C-alpha atoms as a PDB file:
ATOM      1  CA  ASP A   1      71.409  95.714  68.581  1.00  0.00           C
ATOM      2  CA  LEU A   2      73.964  93.348  67.092  1.00  0.00           C
ATOM      3  CA  ARG A   3      76.446  96.214  66.632  1.00  0.00           C
ATOM      4  CA  ARG A   4      76.017  97.317  70.242  1.00  0.00           C
ATOM      5  CA  LEU A   5      76.544  93.739  71.443  1.00  0.00           C
ATOM      6  CA  HIS A   6      79.728  93.516  69.351  1.00  0.00           C
ATOM      7  CA  ASP A   7      81.029  96.814  70.764  1.00  0.00           C
ATOM      8  CA  THR A   8      80.293  95.685  74.323  1.00  0.00           C
ATOM      9  CA  ALA A   9      82.053  92.352  73.762  1.00  0.00           C
ATOM     10  CA  THR A  10      85.074  94.109  72.241  1.00  0.00           C
ATOM     11  CA  SER A  11      85.278  96.515  75.170  1.00  0.00           C
ATOM     12  CA  LEU A  12      84.985  93.668  77.659  1.00  0.00           C
ATOM     13  CA  ALA A  13      87.736  91.712  75.892  1.00  0.00           C
ATOM     14  CA  GLN A  14      90.045  94.745  76.079  1.00  0.00           C
ATOM     15  CA  SER A  15      89.287  95.168  79.784  1.00  0.00           C
ATOM     16  CA  VAL A  16      90.092  91.514  80.483  1.00  0.00           C
ATOM     17  CA  ARG A  17      93.329  91.813  78.493  1.00  0.00           C
ATOM     18  CA  HIS A  18      94.415  94.882  80.469  1.00  0.00           C
ATOM     19  CA  LEU A  19      93.499  93.184  83.746  1.00  0.00           C
ATOM     20  CA  SER A  20      95.507  90.072  82.897  1.00  0.00           C
ATOM     21  CA  HIS A  21      98.547  92.179  82.000  1.00  0.00           C
ATOM     22  CA  ASP A  22      98.180  94.082  85.268  1.00  0.00           C
ATOM     23  CA  LEU A  23      98.034  90.849  87.253  1.00  0.00           C
ATOM     24  CA  HIS A  24     101.102  89.322  85.624  1.00  0.00           C
ATOM     25  CA  PRO A  25     103.362  91.853  83.919  1.00  0.00           C
ATOM     26  CA  THR A  26     105.351  89.545  81.623  1.00  0.00           C
ATOM     27  CA  VAL A  27     106.809  92.633  79.977  1.00  0.00           C
ATOM     28  CA  LEU A  28     108.660  93.267  83.251  1.00  0.00           C
ATOM     29  CA  GLN A  29     110.392  89.881  83.031  1.00  0.00           C
ATOM     30  CA  HIS A  30     111.158  90.083  79.327  1.00  0.00           C
ATOM     31  CA  THR A  31     112.182  93.703  78.805  1.00  0.00           C
ATOM     32  CA  GLY A  32     113.123  94.980  82.263  1.00  0.00           C
ATOM     33  CA  LEU A  33     111.780  97.601  84.635  1.00  0.00           C
ATOM     34  CA  VAL A  34     112.545 100.725  82.623  1.00  0.00           C
ATOM     35  CA  SER A  35     111.063  99.366  79.391  1.00  0.00           C
ATOM     36  CA  ALA A  36     108.021  98.003  81.226  1.00  0.00           C
ATOM     37  CA  LEU A  37     107.311 101.356  82.883  1.00  0.00           C
ATOM     38  CA  THR A  38     107.927 103.231  79.635  1.00  0.00           C
ATOM     39  CA  ALA A  39     105.390 100.952  77.930  1.00  0.00           C
ATOM     40  CA  HIS A  40     102.927 101.435  80.791  1.00  0.00           C
ATOM     41  CA  CYS A  41     103.267 105.225  80.544  1.00  0.00           C
ATOM     42  CA  ALA A  42     102.611 105.024  76.800  1.00  0.00           C
ATOM     43  CA  GLU A  43      99.516 102.913  77.494  1.00  0.00           C
ATOM     44  CA  VAL A  44      98.250 105.452  80.054  1.00  0.00           C
ATOM     45  CA  GLU A  45      98.686 108.219  77.515  1.00  0.00           C
ATOM     46  CA  ARG A  46      96.987 106.245  74.744  1.00  0.00           C
ATOM     47  CA  LEU A  47      94.031 105.053  76.830  1.00  0.00           C
ATOM     48  CA  TYR A  48      93.389 108.072  79.063  1.00  0.00           C
ATOM     49  CA  GLY A  49      94.953 111.031  77.272  1.00  0.00           C
ATOM     50  CA  THR A  50      97.228 111.914  80.186  1.00  0.00           C
ATOM     51  CA  ALA A  51     100.671 112.736  78.770  1.00  0.00           C
ATOM     52  CA  SER A  52     103.057 110.381  80.568  1.00  0.00           C
ATOM     53  CA  SER A  53     106.804 109.888  80.479  1.00  0.00           C
ATOM     54  CA  CYS A  54     109.362 107.637  82.114  1.00  0.00           C
ATOM     55  CA  SER A  55     113.010 108.479  82.713  1.00  0.00           C
ATOM     56  CA  ALA A  56     115.683 106.446  84.467  1.00  0.00           C
ATOM     57  CA  GLU A  57     119.182 106.865  85.814  1.00  0.00           C
ATOM     58  CA  GLY A  58     121.281 103.904  86.891  1.00  0.00           C
ATOM     59  CA  ASN A  59     121.594 100.179  86.204  1.00  0.00           C
ATOM     60  CA  PHE A  60     118.228  98.567  86.909  1.00  0.00           C
ATOM     61  CA  GLY A  61     119.324  95.170  85.626  1.00  0.00           C
ATOM     62  CA  SER A  62     121.083  94.581  88.939  1.00  0.00           C
ATOM     63  CA  LEU A  63     117.952  95.168  91.049  1.00  0.00           C
ATOM     64  CA  ALA A  64     116.469  92.139  92.776  1.00  0.00           C
ATOM     65  CA  PRO A  65     113.370  90.829  90.951  1.00  0.00           C
ATOM     66  CA  GLU A  66     111.233  91.557  94.022  1.00  0.00           C
ATOM     67  CA  ALA A  67     112.390  95.182  94.043  1.00  0.00           C
ATOM     68  CA  LYS A  68     111.557  95.551  90.343  1.00  0.00           C
ATOM     69  CA  LEU A  69     108.075  94.141  90.855  1.00  0.00           C
ATOM     70  CA  CYS A  70     107.500  96.347  93.895  1.00  0.00           C
ATOM     71  CA  LEU A  71     108.481  99.517  92.014  1.00  0.00           C
ATOM     72  CA  TYR A  72     106.407  98.509  88.984  1.00  0.00           C
ATOM     73  CA  ARG A  73     103.291  97.876  91.102  1.00  0.00           C
ATOM     74  CA  ILE A  74     103.711 101.156  92.972  1.00  0.00           C
ATOM     75  CA  ALA A  75     104.053 103.075  89.705  1.00  0.00           C
ATOM     76  CA  GLN A  76     100.936 101.344  88.334  1.00  0.00           C
ATOM     77  CA  GLU A  77      98.926 102.269  91.416  1.00  0.00           C
ATOM     78  CA  ALA A  78     100.184 105.849  91.502  1.00  0.00           C
ATOM     79  CA  LEU A  79      99.305 106.297  87.819  1.00  0.00           C
ATOM     80  CA  ARG A  80      95.845 104.801  88.476  1.00  0.00           C
ATOM     81  CA  ASN A  81      95.402 107.457  91.156  1.00  0.00           C
ATOM     82  CA  VAL A  82      96.481 110.171  88.716  1.00  0.00           C
ATOM     83  CA  ILE A  83      93.881 108.975  86.209  1.00  0.00           C
ATOM     84  CA  ALA A  84      91.068 108.489  88.729  1.00  0.00           C
ATOM     85  CA  HIS A  85      91.522 111.492  90.999  1.00  0.00           C
ATOM     86  CA  ALA A  86      93.972 114.130  89.797  1.00  0.00           C
ATOM     87  CA  GLY A  87      92.503 115.406  86.547  1.00  0.00           C
ATOM     88  CA  ALA A  88      96.115 115.834  85.444  1.00  0.00           C
ATOM     89  CA  SER A  89      97.234 116.641  81.932  1.00  0.00           C
ATOM     90  CA  ARG A  90     100.707 115.219  82.640  1.00  0.00           C
ATOM     91  CA  ALA A  91     102.374 112.563  84.808  1.00  0.00           C
ATOM     92  CA  ASP A  92     106.102 111.874  84.975  1.00  0.00           C
ATOM     93  CA  VAL A  93     107.701 108.692  86.305  1.00  0.00           C
ATOM     94  CA  ARG A  94     111.363 108.869  87.325  1.00  0.00           C
ATOM     95  CA  LEU A  95     113.580 106.000  88.447  1.00  0.00           C
ATOM     96  CA  LEU A  96     116.955 106.283  90.143  1.00  0.00           C
ATOM     97  CA  HIS A  97     119.240 103.430  91.218  1.00  0.00           C
ATOM     98  CA  THR A  98     122.182 104.387  93.372  1.00  0.00           C
ATOM     99  CA  GLY A  99     124.092 101.695  95.199  1.00  0.00           C
ATOM    100  CA  ASP A 100     121.950 100.045  97.838  1.00  0.00           C
ATOM    101  CA  HIS A 101     118.638 101.707  97.019  1.00  0.00           C
ATOM    102  CA  ALA A 102     116.234 102.364  94.194  1.00  0.00           C
ATOM    103  CA  GLU A 103     113.993 105.407  94.064  1.00  0.00           C
ATOM    104  CA  LEU A 104     110.744 106.008  92.217  1.00  0.00           C
ATOM    105  CA  THR A 105     109.037 109.364  91.819  1.00  0.00           C
ATOM    106  CA  ILE A 106     105.644 109.915  90.204  1.00  0.00           C
ATOM    107  CA  ALA A 107     104.690 113.580  89.805  1.00  0.00           C
ATOM    108  CA  ASP A 108     101.573 115.032  88.201  1.00  0.00           C
ATOM    109  CA  ASP A 109     100.170 118.476  87.445  1.00  0.00           C
ATOM    110  CA  GLY A 110      96.677 117.620  88.641  1.00  0.00           C
ATOM    111  CA  SER A 111      94.350 118.915  91.312  1.00  0.00           C
ATOM    112  CA  GLY A 112      96.537 117.911  94.248  1.00  0.00           C
ATOM    113  CA  PHE A 113      95.116 117.797  97.760  1.00  0.00           C
ATOM    114  CA  ASP A 114      95.744 119.172 101.224  1.00  0.00           C
ATOM    115  CA  VAL A 115      98.046 116.648 102.906  1.00  0.00           C
ATOM    116  CA  THR A 116      97.377 118.211 106.329  1.00  0.00           C
ATOM    117  CA  ARG A 117      93.650 117.438 106.251  1.00  0.00           C
ATOM    118  CA  PRO A 118      92.318 113.982 107.023  1.00  0.00           C
ATOM    119  CA  PRO A 119      91.153 112.240 103.863  1.00  0.00           C
ATOM    120  CA  LYS A 120      87.479 112.104 103.071  1.00  0.00           C
ATOM    121  CA  ARG A 121      85.946 108.679 102.955  1.00  0.00           C
ATOM    122  CA  ARG A 122      87.982 106.871 100.338  1.00  0.00           C
ATOM    123  CA  ARG A 123      86.516 104.461  97.835  1.00  0.00           C
ATOM    124  CA  GLY A 124      89.821 102.955  96.793  1.00  0.00           C
ATOM    125  CA  LEU A 125      92.933 101.643  98.421  1.00  0.00           C
ATOM    126  CA  GLY A 126      95.529 103.313  96.198  1.00  0.00           C
ATOM    127  CA  LEU A 127      97.655 105.176  98.727  1.00  0.00           C
ATOM    128  CA  VAL A 128      97.106 102.481 101.359  1.00  0.00           C
ATOM    129  CA  SER A 129      98.329  99.851  98.892  1.00  0.00           C
ATOM    130  CA  ILE A 130     101.392 101.925  98.025  1.00  0.00           C
ATOM    131  CA  ALA A 131     102.201 102.491 101.709  1.00  0.00           C
ATOM    132  CA  GLU A 132     101.884  98.761 102.460  1.00  0.00           C
ATOM    133  CA  ARG A 133     104.186  97.788  99.597  1.00  0.00           C
ATOM    134  CA  VAL A 134     106.791 100.299 100.750  1.00  0.00           C
ATOM    135  CA  ARG A 135     106.522  99.112 104.350  1.00  0.00           C
ATOM    136  CA  PHE A 136     106.907  95.458 103.320  1.00  0.00           C
ATOM    137  CA  ALA A 137     109.953  96.452 101.265  1.00  0.00           C
ATOM    138  CA  GLY A 138     111.597  98.168 104.220  1.00  0.00           C
ATOM    139  CA  GLY A 139     111.534 101.465 102.348  1.00  0.00           C
ATOM    140  CA  THR A 140     110.317 105.007 102.794  1.00  0.00           C
ATOM    141  CA  LEU A 141     107.372 106.852 101.267  1.00  0.00           C
ATOM    142  CA  SER A 142     106.903 110.588 100.907  1.00  0.00           C
ATOM    143  CA  ILE A 143     103.790 112.201  99.448  1.00  0.00           C
ATOM    144  CA  THR A 144     103.740 115.918  98.786  1.00  0.00           C
ATOM    145  CA  ALA A 145     100.811 117.744  97.280  1.00  0.00           C
ATOM    146  CA  GLU A 146      99.329 121.182  96.978  1.00  0.00           C
ATOM    147  CA  VAL A 147      95.759 121.969  96.028  1.00  0.00           C
ATOM    148  CA  GLY A 148      95.691 123.012  92.385  1.00  0.00           C
ATOM    149  CA  LYS A 149      99.373 122.220  91.824  1.00  0.00           C
ATOM    150  CA  GLY A 150      99.616 118.447  91.679  1.00  0.00           C
ATOM    151  CA  THR A 151     100.986 115.574  93.686  1.00  0.00           C
ATOM    152  CA  CYS A 152     104.381 113.908  93.996  1.00  0.00           C
ATOM    153  CA  VAL A 153     104.854 110.366  95.332  1.00  0.00           C
ATOM    154  CA  HIS A 154     108.449 109.459  96.208  1.00  0.00           C
ATOM    155  CA  VAL A 155     109.499 105.933  97.183  1.00  0.00           C
ATOM    156  CA  ARG A 156     112.904 104.618  98.245  1.00  0.00           C
ATOM    157  CA  ILE A 157     113.434 100.874  98.715  1.00  0.00           C
ATOM    158  CA  PRO A 158     116.410  98.522  99.161  1.00  0.00           C
ATOM    159  CA  ALA A 159     117.778  97.370  95.808  1.00  0.00           C
ATOM    160  CA  ASN A 160     119.017  93.950  96.884  1.00  0.00           C
ATOM    161  CA  GLY A 161     115.695  92.294  97.677  1.00  0.00           C
ATOM    162  CA  LEU A 162     112.843  92.859  99.993  1.00  0.00           C
ATOM    163  CA  VAL A 163     112.052  91.762 103.482  1.00  0.00           C
ATOM    164  CA  ARG A 164     108.579  92.371 104.830  1.00  0.00           C
ATOM    165  CA  SER A 165     108.099  93.544 108.384  1.00  0.00           C
ATOM    166  CA  ASP A 166     107.048  89.997 109.330  1.00  0.00           C
ATOM    167  CA  GLY A 167     110.403  88.678 108.088  1.00  0.00           C
ATOM    168  CA  ARG A 168     109.051  86.936 104.988  1.00  0.00           C
ATOM    169  CA  PRO A 169     110.180  87.879 101.485  1.00  0.00           C
ATOM    170  CA  GLY A 170     107.583  89.533  99.328  1.00  0.00           C
ATOM    171  CA  ALA A 171     106.537  92.379  97.082  1.00  0.00           C
END
């Protein structure tokens, strides 16, 4: 009984630690977007067994802080969806910064889905959350998927800061 209580407490402490890091990603501020996403991919692989990688092209140091946070949050949510729904063995995160825009692509080799069919009753808000972040950023979102062949989420947002549709800054 004491051992089981210890294991439960340890598991709960780890969950709280992960939640606190998700709520305030200090690694993003200290190491930058690419390093933060690389670390997050490594954590996904370690915790869930889904092979994950992060690659980047461009200078992400010049991105506005709001844009970095937006891309980081979208990648987190997309990877959560991969873990929860895709049954994927692999997920790849790619970043591209060219001039006025930054792009993020998350592709997996999971179960995919039929994008032409209306979604069944959803329990989570993953894709809705991603779409809202992109809309607030003044960006574009593309989701392609094929049953049995995986899903690809592609986001393109302005690199020089975000303006929500209501005119207020935010990520």
